[in-house]
Amino acid sequence: MHDTEIACNRITHDRPAVLPSPLMKTSVLESPTFLVGAERSGTTLLRLMLSHHPQIAWCNEFEYAIDQVGPAGQFPALEDYLEWLKIHRIFQATGFEASTGLSYGDLIKSFLVQKQVQEDKPIVGATVHRHFDRLLKIWPQARFIHLIRDPRDVARSCIGMGWAGNVWTGSERWVEAEECWDMLKQRLSDDRYVEITYEDLISNPETVLTKLAHFLGTDYDPAMLQYSQDTTYEQPDSRFLNQWRRKLSDREIQLIESRVGPLLVERGYTASGLPAIQLSNREMQSLKLQDWWTRANFRLQRYGAPLFVLNYVTSRLPVRTWHNTVQLKINEIDSKHIK
């Protein structure tokens, strides 16, 4: 069977929504909890800790729920959204079914129900790194865990993932996530969110996880720290903290601090003490060009020249089937590198 056909099998037509098991409570689905924060902030580690709790099920990378929602909260056309899901690498890996017989909001809600069914756990949540303010259009009573990490470590880590070509552009994901959080937080009552830092999670994991378990309506369980037994992630270790001090040059630190500005101190982090710099337009354009070139070379090395060029060309042609086939091949390669 062709790869495209395999992917399409997960989009079902007029199929009834998956029903929750008896242990699930309707109130849980009306107010699920979302783990939000910038990518490379420790969200994967925390998600593993949460999902190892015997009562907590957690979806990773749930952006496919809101990436197609407009800035003003307008939902996408269902047919277009279902087509988009056919080539979405992360959604395809979930095993979720997408029914055409549901409204957009109910379809998205059904994914969390399916996660509960898969793992037979009463508490459900998901990780979202961007546009998480749009979740309120689907779940007006949603609750949030905000995880933050020192942006100097986040920027450095983004380069290793191929998402940025330098630390200045690597800081953008952190800035965007934190600005989004500032807007969202204003719309939440105090009982609907909790804020933690990656640094506290690593330094005092049991204390932080106890706090989060109580926020989620359960008790801490030692299994939350047993994730290293069946994943590639190590146990919390202080050597993961403040790596920027050892791995970044003074110039790189100054570039990051110039990009994140006052948010660094507002989030409780101490400035390096290095002289502040202000970039000229020419310097910023040079950094953006370096970023583009580095990211393009990263993709060229990962996918090879033929697939790299095909993806560029087909994404600009009105031939969806051809582009879908190319994207599925890219997904296959990414799946081997991104865990």
C-alpha atoms as a PDB file:
ATOM      1  CA  MET A   1       0.000   0.000   0.000  1.00  0.00           C
ATOM      2  CA  HIS A   2       1.245   3.492  -0.852  1.00  0.00           C
ATOM      3  CA  ASP A   3       2.418   5.718   2.037  1.00  0.00           C
ATOM      4  CA  THR A   4      -0.247   8.285   1.236  1.00  0.00           C
ATOM      5  CA  GLU A   5      -2.970   5.652   1.436  1.00  0.00           C
ATOM      6  CA  ILE A   6      -1.659   4.423   4.785  1.00  0.00           C
ATOM      7  CA  ALA A   7      -1.775   7.941   6.195  1.00  0.00           C
ATOM      8  CA  CYS A   8      -5.268   8.552   4.859  1.00  0.00           C
ATOM      9  CA  ASN A   9      -6.609   5.512   6.674  1.00  0.00           C
ATOM     10  CA  ARG A  10      -6.579   7.451   9.945  1.00  0.00           C
ATOM     11  CA  ILE A  11      -9.084   9.983   8.586  1.00  0.00           C
ATOM     12  CA  THR A  12     -12.438   8.258   8.946  1.00  0.00           C
ATOM     13  CA  HIS A  13     -15.708   9.305   7.380  1.00  0.00           C
ATOM     14  CA  ASP A  14     -18.906   9.651   9.379  1.00  0.00           C
ATOM     15  CA  ARG A  15     -17.429   7.540  12.127  1.00  0.00           C
ATOM     16  CA  PRO A  16     -18.916   8.069  15.594  1.00  0.00           C
ATOM     17  CA  ALA A  17     -16.669   9.737  18.148  1.00  0.00           C
ATOM     18  CA  VAL A  18     -14.769   7.404  20.461  1.00  0.00           C
ATOM     19  CA  LEU A  19     -16.653   7.062  23.715  1.00  0.00           C
ATOM     20  CA  PRO A  20     -14.891   7.617  27.033  1.00  0.00           C
ATOM     21  CA  SER A  21     -14.402   4.756  29.452  1.00  0.00           C
ATOM     22  CA  PRO A  22     -16.499   4.701  32.658  1.00  0.00           C
ATOM     23  CA  LEU A  23     -13.705   6.166  34.783  1.00  0.00           C
ATOM     24  CA  MET A  24     -13.622   9.428  32.820  1.00  0.00           C
ATOM     25  CA  LYS A  25     -15.419  12.505  34.070  1.00  0.00           C
ATOM     26  CA  THR A  26     -17.074  15.018  31.770  1.00  0.00           C
ATOM     27  CA  SER A  27     -15.631  17.892  33.809  1.00  0.00           C
ATOM     28  CA  VAL A  28     -12.120  16.724  32.938  1.00  0.00           C
ATOM     29  CA  LEU A  29     -12.812  17.136  29.223  1.00  0.00           C
ATOM     30  CA  GLU A  30     -14.381  20.537  29.792  1.00  0.00           C
ATOM     31  CA  SER A  31     -11.244  21.799  31.497  1.00  0.00           C
ATOM     32  CA  PRO A  32      -8.185  19.792  30.428  1.00  0.00           C
ATOM     33  CA  THR A  33      -4.746  21.051  31.378  1.00  0.00           C
ATOM     34  CA  PHE A  34      -2.147  22.195  28.874  1.00  0.00           C
ATOM     35  CA  LEU A  35       1.587  22.378  29.378  1.00  0.00           C
ATOM     36  CA  VAL A  36       2.762  25.532  27.611  1.00  0.00           C
ATOM     37  CA  GLY A  37       6.113  27.194  27.048  1.00  0.00           C
ATOM     38  CA  ALA A  38       8.821  27.582  24.445  1.00  0.00           C
ATOM     39  CA  GLU A  39      10.276  24.573  22.680  1.00  0.00           C
ATOM     40  CA  ARG A  40      13.535  23.319  24.239  1.00  0.00           C
ATOM     41  CA  SER A  41      12.333  24.487  27.657  1.00  0.00           C
ATOM     42  CA  GLY A  42      12.076  21.010  29.142  1.00  0.00           C
ATOM     43  CA  THR A  43       8.502  20.313  28.060  1.00  0.00           C
ATOM     44  CA  THR A  44       9.367  16.833  26.775  1.00  0.00           C
ATOM     45  CA  LEU A  45      11.020  15.896  30.058  1.00  0.00           C
ATOM     46  CA  LEU A  46       8.070  17.168  32.088  1.00  0.00           C
ATOM     47  CA  ARG A  47       5.607  15.449  29.782  1.00  0.00           C
ATOM     48  CA  LEU A  48       7.386  12.137  30.368  1.00  0.00           C
ATOM     49  CA  MET A  49       7.224  12.692  34.118  1.00  0.00           C
ATOM     50  CA  LEU A  50       3.508  13.476  33.993  1.00  0.00           C
ATOM     51  CA  SER A  51       2.597  10.630  31.659  1.00  0.00           C
ATOM     52  CA  HIS A  52       4.375   8.101  33.866  1.00  0.00           C
ATOM     53  CA  HIS A  53       1.860   8.867  36.612  1.00  0.00           C
ATOM     54  CA  PRO A  54      -0.679   6.004  36.738  1.00  0.00           C
ATOM     55  CA  GLN A  55      -3.599   8.455  36.482  1.00  0.00           C
ATOM     56  CA  ILE A  56      -2.274  10.971  33.936  1.00  0.00           C
ATOM     57  CA  ALA A  57      -2.301  10.703  30.132  1.00  0.00           C
ATOM     58  CA  TRP A  58      -0.451  13.383  28.193  1.00  0.00           C
ATOM     59  CA  CYS A  59      -0.346  14.224  24.479  1.00  0.00           C
ATOM     60  CA  ASN A  60       2.897  15.519  23.047  1.00  0.00           C
ATOM     61  CA  GLU A  61       3.143  18.367  20.532  1.00  0.00           C
ATOM     62  CA  PHE A  62      -0.589  19.153  20.359  1.00  0.00           C
ATOM     63  CA  GLU A  63      -0.062  22.147  18.036  1.00  0.00           C
ATOM     64  CA  TYR A  64      -2.080  20.435  15.298  1.00  0.00           C
ATOM     65  CA  ALA A  65      -5.143  21.332  17.369  1.00  0.00           C
ATOM     66  CA  ILE A  66      -4.671  25.088  17.019  1.00  0.00           C
ATOM     67  CA  ASP A  67      -2.131  25.808  14.241  1.00  0.00           C
ATOM     68  CA  GLN A  68      -4.983  26.077  11.731  1.00  0.00           C
ATOM     69  CA  VAL A  69      -7.108  28.299  13.994  1.00  0.00           C
ATOM     70  CA  GLY A  70      -6.937  31.942  12.915  1.00  0.00           C
ATOM     71  CA  PRO A  71      -5.556  34.756  15.111  1.00  0.00           C
ATOM     72  CA  ALA A  72      -9.087  35.910  15.870  1.00  0.00           C
ATOM     73  CA  GLY A  73     -10.154  32.380  16.778  1.00  0.00           C
ATOM     74  CA  GLN A  74     -11.797  31.444  13.480  1.00  0.00           C
ATOM     75  CA  PHE A  75     -11.851  27.688  12.871  1.00  0.00           C
ATOM     76  CA  PRO A  76     -10.575  26.239   9.565  1.00  0.00           C
ATOM     77  CA  ALA A  77     -12.791  24.549   7.011  1.00  0.00           C
ATOM     78  CA  LEU A  78     -13.109  20.958   8.201  1.00  0.00           C
ATOM     79  CA  GLU A  79     -12.347  19.423   4.814  1.00  0.00           C
ATOM     80  CA  ASP A  80      -9.103  21.399   4.481  1.00  0.00           C
ATOM     81  CA  TYR A  81      -8.118  20.551   8.031  1.00  0.00           C
ATOM     82  CA  LEU A  82      -8.634  16.829   7.500  1.00  0.00           C
ATOM     83  CA  GLU A  83      -6.486  16.982   4.366  1.00  0.00           C
ATOM     84  CA  TRP A  84      -3.769  18.755   6.354  1.00  0.00           C
ATOM     85  CA  LEU A  85      -3.850  16.070   9.051  1.00  0.00           C
ATOM     86  CA  LYS A  86      -3.113  13.390   6.460  1.00  0.00           C
ATOM     87  CA  ILE A  87       0.474  14.622   6.152  1.00  0.00           C
ATOM     88  CA  HIS A  88       0.994  15.859   9.701  1.00  0.00           C
ATOM     89  CA  ARG A  89       3.816  13.736  11.105  1.00  0.00           C
ATOM     90  CA  ILE A  90       2.957  14.118  14.788  1.00  0.00           C
ATOM     91  CA  PHE A  91      -0.777  13.577  14.346  1.00  0.00           C
ATOM     92  CA  GLN A  92      -0.206  10.471  12.236  1.00  0.00           C
ATOM     93  CA  ALA A  93       1.942   8.987  15.000  1.00  0.00           C
ATOM     94  CA  THR A  94      -0.843   9.325  17.589  1.00  0.00           C
ATOM     95  CA  GLY A  95      -3.111   6.689  16.109  1.00  0.00           C
ATOM     96  CA  PHE A  96      -6.063   9.034  16.617  1.00  0.00           C
ATOM     97  CA  GLU A  97      -9.029   8.865  14.275  1.00  0.00           C
ATOM     98  CA  ALA A  98     -10.491  12.040  12.795  1.00  0.00           C
ATOM     99  CA  SER A  99     -14.206  11.843  12.101  1.00  0.00           C
ATOM    100  CA  THR A 100     -15.837  14.011   9.458  1.00  0.00           C
ATOM    101  CA  GLY A 101     -19.099  13.826  11.391  1.00  0.00           C
ATOM    102  CA  LEU A 102     -17.971  16.288  14.084  1.00  0.00           C
ATOM    103  CA  SER A 103     -17.611  20.046  14.253  1.00  0.00           C
ATOM    104  CA  TYR A 104     -14.066  21.364  14.442  1.00  0.00           C
ATOM    105  CA  GLY A 105     -14.233  21.978  18.188  1.00  0.00           C
ATOM    106  CA  ASP A 106     -15.712  18.557  18.920  1.00  0.00           C
ATOM    107  CA  LEU A 107     -13.151  16.905  16.652  1.00  0.00           C
ATOM    108  CA  ILE A 108     -10.280  18.442  18.591  1.00  0.00           C
ATOM    109  CA  LYS A 109     -11.905  17.464  21.885  1.00  0.00           C
ATOM    110  CA  SER A 110     -12.257  13.910  20.604  1.00  0.00           C
ATOM    111  CA  PHE A 111      -8.475  13.609  20.335  1.00  0.00           C
ATOM    112  CA  LEU A 112      -8.077  14.033  24.090  1.00  0.00           C
ATOM    113  CA  VAL A 113     -10.905  11.559  24.682  1.00  0.00           C
ATOM    114  CA  GLN A 114      -9.069   9.072  22.481  1.00  0.00           C
ATOM    115  CA  LYS A 115      -5.906   9.622  24.498  1.00  0.00           C
ATOM    116  CA  GLN A 116      -7.834   8.755  27.663  1.00  0.00           C
ATOM    117  CA  VAL A 117      -9.179   5.623  26.007  1.00  0.00           C
ATOM    118  CA  GLN A 118      -5.742   4.568  24.760  1.00  0.00           C
ATOM    119  CA  GLU A 119      -4.179   4.800  28.208  1.00  0.00           C
ATOM    120  CA  ASP A 120      -7.297   4.295  30.349  1.00  0.00           C
ATOM    121  CA  LYS A 121      -6.412   7.188  32.652  1.00  0.00           C
ATOM    122  CA  PRO A 122      -8.828   9.764  34.114  1.00  0.00           C
ATOM    123  CA  ILE A 123      -6.633  12.885  33.835  1.00  0.00           C
ATOM    124  CA  VAL A 124      -5.668  14.146  30.399  1.00  0.00           C
ATOM    125  CA  GLY A 125      -3.541  16.994  29.124  1.00  0.00           C
ATOM    126  CA  ALA A 126      -1.367  18.051  26.223  1.00  0.00           C
ATOM    127  CA  THR A 127       1.757  20.063  25.417  1.00  0.00           C
ATOM    128  CA  VAL A 128       1.451  23.169  23.242  1.00  0.00           C
ATOM    129  CA  HIS A 129       4.356  25.472  22.367  1.00  0.00           C
ATOM    130  CA  ARG A 130       2.728  28.191  20.285  1.00  0.00           C
ATOM    131  CA  HIS A 131      -0.609  29.945  19.812  1.00  0.00           C
ATOM    132  CA  PHE A 132      -1.764  28.368  23.054  1.00  0.00           C
ATOM    133  CA  ASP A 133      -4.019  31.344  23.766  1.00  0.00           C
ATOM    134  CA  ARG A 134      -6.255  29.969  20.987  1.00  0.00           C
ATOM    135  CA  LEU A 135      -7.032  26.910  23.105  1.00  0.00           C
ATOM    136  CA  LEU A 136      -9.619  29.001  24.951  1.00  0.00           C
ATOM    137  CA  LYS A 137     -11.733  29.071  21.778  1.00  0.00           C
ATOM    138  CA  ILE A 138     -12.157  25.302  22.157  1.00  0.00           C
ATOM    139  CA  TRP A 139     -11.907  24.952  25.939  1.00  0.00           C
ATOM    140  CA  PRO A 140     -12.962  28.229  27.628  1.00  0.00           C
ATOM    141  CA  GLN A 141     -12.256  26.658  31.036  1.00  0.00           C
ATOM    142  CA  ALA A 142      -8.871  25.148  30.156  1.00  0.00           C
ATOM    143  CA  ARG A 143      -6.116  25.160  32.770  1.00  0.00           C
ATOM    144  CA  PHE A 144      -2.411  25.676  32.199  1.00  0.00           C
ATOM    145  CA  ILE A 145       1.033  24.710  33.428  1.00  0.00           C
ATOM    146  CA  HIS A 146       3.538  27.323  32.293  1.00  0.00           C
ATOM    147  CA  LEU A 147       7.096  26.003  32.097  1.00  0.00           C
ATOM    148  CA  ILE A 148       9.948  28.427  31.539  1.00  0.00           C
ATOM    149  CA  ARG A 149      13.680  27.941  31.067  1.00  0.00           C
ATOM    150  CA  ASP A 150      16.567  30.398  30.855  1.00  0.00           C
ATOM    151  CA  PRO A 151      16.351  31.788  27.291  1.00  0.00           C
ATOM    152  CA  ARG A 152      20.127  31.586  26.909  1.00  0.00           C
ATOM    153  CA  ASP A 153      19.885  27.798  27.163  1.00  0.00           C
ATOM    154  CA  VAL A 154      16.781  27.686  24.959  1.00  0.00           C
ATOM    155  CA  ALA A 155      18.438  29.697  22.165  1.00  0.00           C
ATOM    156  CA  ARG A 156      21.527  27.507  22.218  1.00  0.00           C
ATOM    157  CA  SER A 157      19.446  24.338  22.070  1.00  0.00           C
ATOM    158  CA  CYS A 158      17.380  25.557  19.094  1.00  0.00           C
ATOM    159  CA  ILE A 159      20.517  25.680  16.959  1.00  0.00           C
ATOM    160  CA  GLY A 160      21.244  22.010  17.615  1.00  0.00           C
ATOM    161  CA  MET A 161      17.743  21.121  16.414  1.00  0.00           C
ATOM    162  CA  GLY A 162      18.239  22.936  13.115  1.00  0.00           C
ATOM    163  CA  TRP A 163      15.539  25.470  13.981  1.00  0.00           C
ATOM    164  CA  ALA A 164      17.863  28.466  14.101  1.00  0.00           C
ATOM    165  CA  GLY A 165      21.148  29.487  12.564  1.00  0.00           C
ATOM    166  CA  ASN A 166      22.353  31.608  15.452  1.00  0.00           C
ATOM    167  CA  VAL A 167      21.389  32.383  19.035  1.00  0.00           C
ATOM    168  CA  TRP A 168      19.804  35.711  18.123  1.00  0.00           C
ATOM    169  CA  THR A 169      17.161  34.080  15.936  1.00  0.00           C
ATOM    170  CA  GLY A 170      17.112  31.100  18.298  1.00  0.00           C
ATOM    171  CA  SER A 171      15.746  33.415  20.981  1.00  0.00           C
ATOM    172  CA  GLU A 172      12.626  34.218  18.973  1.00  0.00           C
ATOM    173  CA  ARG A 173      10.698  31.092  19.964  1.00  0.00           C
ATOM    174  CA  TRP A 174      11.239  31.915  23.637  1.00  0.00           C
ATOM    175  CA  VAL A 175      10.141  35.536  23.191  1.00  0.00           C
ATOM    176  CA  GLU A 176       7.029  34.559  21.227  1.00  0.00           C
ATOM    177  CA  ALA A 177       6.005  31.940  23.781  1.00  0.00           C
ATOM    178  CA  GLU A 178       6.491  34.296  26.727  1.00  0.00           C
ATOM    179  CA  GLU A 179       4.613  37.147  25.069  1.00  0.00           C
ATOM    180  CA  CYS A 180       1.791  34.729  24.280  1.00  0.00           C
ATOM    181  CA  TRP A 181       1.764  33.621  27.919  1.00  0.00           C
ATOM    182  CA  ASP A 182       1.556  37.218  29.138  1.00  0.00           C
ATOM    183  CA  MET A 183      -1.563  37.759  27.024  1.00  0.00           C
ATOM    184  CA  LEU A 184      -3.157  34.470  28.049  1.00  0.00           C
ATOM    185  CA  LYS A 185      -2.421  34.871  31.759  1.00  0.00           C
ATOM    186  CA  GLN A 186      -4.494  38.046  31.883  1.00  0.00           C
ATOM    187  CA  ARG A 187      -7.561  35.990  30.932  1.00  0.00           C
ATOM    188  CA  LEU A 188      -7.099  33.339  33.624  1.00  0.00           C
ATOM    189  CA  SER A 189      -8.096  33.282  37.269  1.00  0.00           C
ATOM    190  CA  ASP A 190      -5.346  32.318  39.717  1.00  0.00           C
ATOM    191  CA  ASP A 191      -6.727  28.806  40.204  1.00  0.00           C
ATOM    192  CA  ARG A 192      -6.422  27.999  36.495  1.00  0.00           C
ATOM    193  CA  TYR A 193      -2.662  28.127  36.095  1.00  0.00           C
ATOM    194  CA  VAL A 194       0.593  27.272  37.770  1.00  0.00           C
ATOM    195  CA  GLU A 195       4.054  28.502  36.802  1.00  0.00           C
ATOM    196  CA  ILE A 196       7.271  26.540  37.252  1.00  0.00           C
ATOM    197  CA  THR A 197      10.839  26.810  35.999  1.00  0.00           C
ATOM    198  CA  TYR A 198      12.948  24.139  34.366  1.00  0.00           C
ATOM    199  CA  GLU A 199      15.682  24.980  36.826  1.00  0.00           C
ATOM    200  CA  ASP A 200      13.416  24.170  39.806  1.00  0.00           C
ATOM    201  CA  LEU A 201      12.196  21.005  38.110  1.00  0.00           C
ATOM    202  CA  ILE A 202      15.764  19.756  37.763  1.00  0.00           C
ATOM    203  CA  SER A 203      16.922  20.912  41.205  1.00  0.00           C
ATOM    204  CA  ASN A 204      13.846  19.781  43.187  1.00  0.00           C
ATOM    205  CA  PRO A 205      11.891  17.362  40.979  1.00  0.00           C
ATOM    206  CA  GLU A 206       9.819  15.683  43.684  1.00  0.00           C
ATOM    207  CA  THR A 207       8.721  19.012  45.182  1.00  0.00           C
ATOM    208  CA  VAL A 208       7.732  20.445  41.807  1.00  0.00           C
ATOM    209  CA  LEU A 209       5.968  17.254  40.687  1.00  0.00           C
ATOM    210  CA  THR A 210       4.022  17.120  43.952  1.00  0.00           C
ATOM    211  CA  LYS A 211       2.827  20.667  43.297  1.00  0.00           C
ATOM    212  CA  LEU A 212       1.785  19.768  39.761  1.00  0.00           C
ATOM    213  CA  ALA A 213       0.062  16.554  40.797  1.00  0.00           C
ATOM    214  CA  HIS A 214      -2.052  18.485  43.299  1.00  0.00           C
ATOM    215  CA  PHE A 215      -2.872  21.063  40.624  1.00  0.00           C
ATOM    216  CA  LEU A 216      -4.060  18.213  38.388  1.00  0.00           C
ATOM    217  CA  GLY A 217      -6.203  16.780  41.155  1.00  0.00           C
ATOM    218  CA  THR A 218      -4.129  13.808  42.259  1.00  0.00           C
ATOM    219  CA  ASP A 219      -1.163  12.937  44.480  1.00  0.00           C
ATOM    220  CA  TYR A 220       2.496  12.605  43.650  1.00  0.00           C
ATOM    221  CA  ASP A 221       3.518   9.103  42.596  1.00  0.00           C
ATOM    222  CA  PRO A 222       7.139   7.826  42.559  1.00  0.00           C
ATOM    223  CA  ALA A 223       6.500   6.454  39.070  1.00  0.00           C
ATOM    224  CA  MET A 224       6.770  10.028  37.800  1.00  0.00           C
ATOM    225  CA  LEU A 225      10.528   9.810  38.238  1.00  0.00           C
ATOM    226  CA  GLN A 226      10.885   6.367  36.685  1.00  0.00           C
ATOM    227  CA  TYR A 227      10.686   7.594  33.091  1.00  0.00           C
ATOM    228  CA  SER A 228      14.383   6.845  32.476  1.00  0.00           C
ATOM    229  CA  GLN A 229      13.626   3.129  32.637  1.00  0.00           C
ATOM    230  CA  ASP A 230      11.826   3.137  29.298  1.00  0.00           C
ATOM    231  CA  THR A 231      12.966   6.354  27.568  1.00  0.00           C
ATOM    232  CA  THR A 232      16.289   7.831  26.489  1.00  0.00           C
ATOM    233  CA  TYR A 233      15.951  10.706  28.970  1.00  0.00           C
ATOM    234  CA  GLU A 234      18.229  10.723  31.989  1.00  0.00           C
ATOM    235  CA  GLN A 235      17.247  11.496  35.560  1.00  0.00           C
ATOM    236  CA  PRO A 236      17.313  15.181  36.635  1.00  0.00           C
ATOM    237  CA  ASP A 237      20.914  16.327  36.888  1.00  0.00           C
ATOM    238  CA  SER A 238      22.244  19.766  37.821  1.00  0.00           C
ATOM    239  CA  ARG A 239      24.774  19.588  34.981  1.00  0.00           C
ATOM    240  CA  PHE A 240      21.874  20.350  32.623  1.00  0.00           C
ATOM    241  CA  LEU A 241      21.454  23.771  34.248  1.00  0.00           C
ATOM    242  CA  ASN A 242      23.017  27.026  33.056  1.00  0.00           C
ATOM    243  CA  GLN A 243      24.897  25.382  30.227  1.00  0.00           C
ATOM    244  CA  TRP A 244      25.024  28.740  28.489  1.00  0.00           C
ATOM    245  CA  ARG A 245      27.704  29.845  30.938  1.00  0.00           C
ATOM    246  CA  ARG A 246      30.038  27.142  29.606  1.00  0.00           C
ATOM    247  CA  LYS A 247      28.973  26.847  25.989  1.00  0.00           C
ATOM    248  CA  LEU A 248      28.240  30.379  24.775  1.00  0.00           C
ATOM    249  CA  SER A 249      30.715  33.108  23.921  1.00  0.00           C
ATOM    250  CA  ASP A 250      30.335  36.573  25.406  1.00  0.00           C
ATOM    251  CA  ARG A 251      29.118  37.832  22.053  1.00  0.00           C
ATOM    252  CA  GLU A 252      26.421  35.135  21.860  1.00  0.00           C
ATOM    253  CA  ILE A 253      25.224  35.948  25.377  1.00  0.00           C
ATOM    254  CA  GLN A 254      25.018  39.616  24.468  1.00  0.00           C
ATOM    255  CA  LEU A 255      23.040  38.797  21.312  1.00  0.00           C
ATOM    256  CA  ILE A 256      20.478  36.786  23.275  1.00  0.00           C
ATOM    257  CA  GLU A 257      20.122  39.370  26.015  1.00  0.00           C
ATOM    258  CA  SER A 258      19.640  42.095  23.406  1.00  0.00           C
ATOM    259  CA  ARG A 259      16.840  40.040  21.824  1.00  0.00           C
ATOM    260  CA  VAL A 260      14.927  39.006  24.958  1.00  0.00           C
ATOM    261  CA  GLY A 261      15.301  42.403  26.624  1.00  0.00           C
ATOM    262  CA  PRO A 262      13.571  43.069  29.968  1.00  0.00           C
ATOM    263  CA  LEU A 263      11.738  39.707  29.819  1.00  0.00           C
ATOM    264  CA  LEU A 264      14.889  37.993  31.059  1.00  0.00           C
ATOM    265  CA  VAL A 265      14.809  39.741  34.435  1.00  0.00           C
ATOM    266  CA  GLU A 266      11.001  39.792  34.579  1.00  0.00           C
ATOM    267  CA  ARG A 267      11.053  36.004  34.445  1.00  0.00           C
ATOM    268  CA  GLY A 268      13.444  35.833  37.382  1.00  0.00           C
ATOM    269  CA  TYR A 269      16.748  35.320  35.574  1.00  0.00           C
ATOM    270  CA  THR A 270      19.876  37.356  36.248  1.00  0.00           C
ATOM    271  CA  ALA A 271      21.542  39.253  33.424  1.00  0.00           C
ATOM    272  CA  SER A 272      25.095  38.207  32.645  1.00  0.00           C
ATOM    273  CA  GLY A 273      26.547  41.606  33.490  1.00  0.00           C
ATOM    274  CA  LEU A 274      28.172  41.898  30.076  1.00  0.00           C
ATOM    275  CA  PRO A 275      27.878  45.301  28.368  1.00  0.00           C
ATOM    276  CA  ALA A 276      24.514  45.663  26.639  1.00  0.00           C
ATOM    277  CA  ILE A 277      24.616  45.894  22.845  1.00  0.00           C
ATOM    278  CA  GLN A 278      22.224  47.347  20.313  1.00  0.00           C
ATOM    279  CA  LEU A 279      22.273  45.900  16.824  1.00  0.00           C
ATOM    280  CA  SER A 280      22.130  48.033  13.724  1.00  0.00           C
ATOM    281  CA  ASN A 281      19.695  47.178  10.930  1.00  0.00           C
ATOM    282  CA  ARG A 282      22.608  45.904   8.900  1.00  0.00           C
ATOM    283  CA  GLU A 283      23.709  43.557  11.691  1.00  0.00           C
ATOM    284  CA  MET A 284      20.183  42.230  12.110  1.00  0.00           C
ATOM    285  CA  GLN A 285      19.860  41.573   8.388  1.00  0.00           C
ATOM    286  CA  SER A 286      23.186  39.749   8.442  1.00  0.00           C
ATOM    287  CA  LEU A 287      22.012  37.539  11.316  1.00  0.00           C
ATOM    288  CA  LYS A 288      18.763  36.760   9.506  1.00  0.00           C
ATOM    289  CA  LEU A 289      20.663  35.806   6.347  1.00  0.00           C
ATOM    290  CA  GLN A 290      22.995  33.578   8.347  1.00  0.00           C
ATOM    291  CA  ASP A 291      19.953  31.982   9.979  1.00  0.00           C
ATOM    292  CA  TRP A 292      18.311  31.228   6.623  1.00  0.00           C
ATOM    293  CA  TRP A 293      21.501  29.805   5.147  1.00  0.00           C
ATOM    294  CA  THR A 294      22.268  27.600   8.145  1.00  0.00           C
ATOM    295  CA  ARG A 295      18.741  26.201   8.356  1.00  0.00           C
ATOM    296  CA  ALA A 296      18.649  25.527   4.617  1.00  0.00           C
ATOM    297  CA  ASN A 297      21.935  23.625   4.817  1.00  0.00           C
ATOM    298  CA  PHE A 298      20.652  21.648   7.779  1.00  0.00           C
ATOM    299  CA  ARG A 299      17.618  20.520   5.767  1.00  0.00           C
ATOM    300  CA  LEU A 300      19.775  19.807   2.720  1.00  0.00           C
ATOM    301  CA  GLN A 301      22.027  17.536   4.760  1.00  0.00           C
ATOM    302  CA  ARG A 302      19.114  15.751   6.435  1.00  0.00           C
ATOM    303  CA  TYR A 303      16.869  15.167   3.413  1.00  0.00           C
ATOM    304  CA  GLY A 304      19.353  15.129   0.546  1.00  0.00           C
ATOM    305  CA  ALA A 305      19.321  17.419  -2.481  1.00  0.00           C
ATOM    306  CA  PRO A 306      16.559  15.690  -4.536  1.00  0.00           C
ATOM    307  CA  LEU A 307      14.015  15.638  -1.703  1.00  0.00           C
ATOM    308  CA  PHE A 308      15.014  19.118  -0.546  1.00  0.00           C
ATOM    309  CA  VAL A 309      14.359  20.559  -4.009  1.00  0.00           C
ATOM    310  CA  LEU A 310      11.175  18.543  -4.530  1.00  0.00           C
ATOM    311  CA  ASN A 311       9.735  19.796  -1.266  1.00  0.00           C
ATOM    312  CA  TYR A 312      10.490  23.391  -2.205  1.00  0.00           C
ATOM    313  CA  VAL A 313       8.939  23.039  -5.670  1.00  0.00           C
ATOM    314  CA  THR A 314       5.842  20.999  -4.802  1.00  0.00           C
ATOM    315  CA  SER A 315       4.936  23.236  -1.864  1.00  0.00           C
ATOM    316  CA  ARG A 316       4.539  26.047  -4.386  1.00  0.00           C
ATOM    317  CA  LEU A 317       2.485  24.116  -6.934  1.00  0.00           C
ATOM    318  CA  PRO A 318      -1.301  23.529  -6.856  1.00  0.00           C
ATOM    319  CA  VAL A 319      -0.727  19.748  -6.926  1.00  0.00           C
ATOM    320  CA  ARG A 320      -1.575  18.585  -3.419  1.00  0.00           C
ATOM    321  CA  THR A 321      -1.151  14.836  -4.045  1.00  0.00           C
ATOM    322  CA  TRP A 322       2.438  15.236  -5.239  1.00  0.00           C
ATOM    323  CA  HIS A 323       3.378  17.474  -2.346  1.00  0.00           C
ATOM    324  CA  ASN A 324       1.702  15.100   0.130  1.00  0.00           C
ATOM    325  CA  THR A 325       3.844  12.234  -1.149  1.00  0.00           C
ATOM    326  CA  VAL A 326       7.000  14.323  -0.727  1.00  0.00           C
ATOM    327  CA  GLN A 327       5.967  15.448   2.739  1.00  0.00           C
ATOM    328  CA  LEU A 328       5.369  11.885   3.869  1.00  0.00           C
ATOM    329  CA  LYS A 329       8.916  10.974   2.828  1.00  0.00           C
ATOM    330  CA  ILE A 330      10.221  13.930   4.820  1.00  0.00           C
ATOM    331  CA  ASN A 331       8.113  12.814   7.784  1.00  0.00           C
ATOM    332  CA  GLU A 332       9.713   9.381   7.620  1.00  0.00           C
ATOM    333  CA  ILE A 333      13.189  10.904   7.826  1.00  0.00           C
ATOM    334  CA  ASP A 334      12.222  13.319  10.606  1.00  0.00           C
ATOM    335  CA  SER A 335      10.767  10.466  12.636  1.00  0.00           C
ATOM    336  CA  LYS A 336      14.204   8.863  12.756  1.00  0.00           C
ATOM    337  CA  HIS A 337      15.820  12.035  14.082  1.00  0.00           C
ATOM    338  CA  ILE A 338      13.152  13.677  16.250  1.00  0.00           C
ATOM    339  CA  LYS A 339      11.939  11.687  19.241  1.00  0.00           C
END
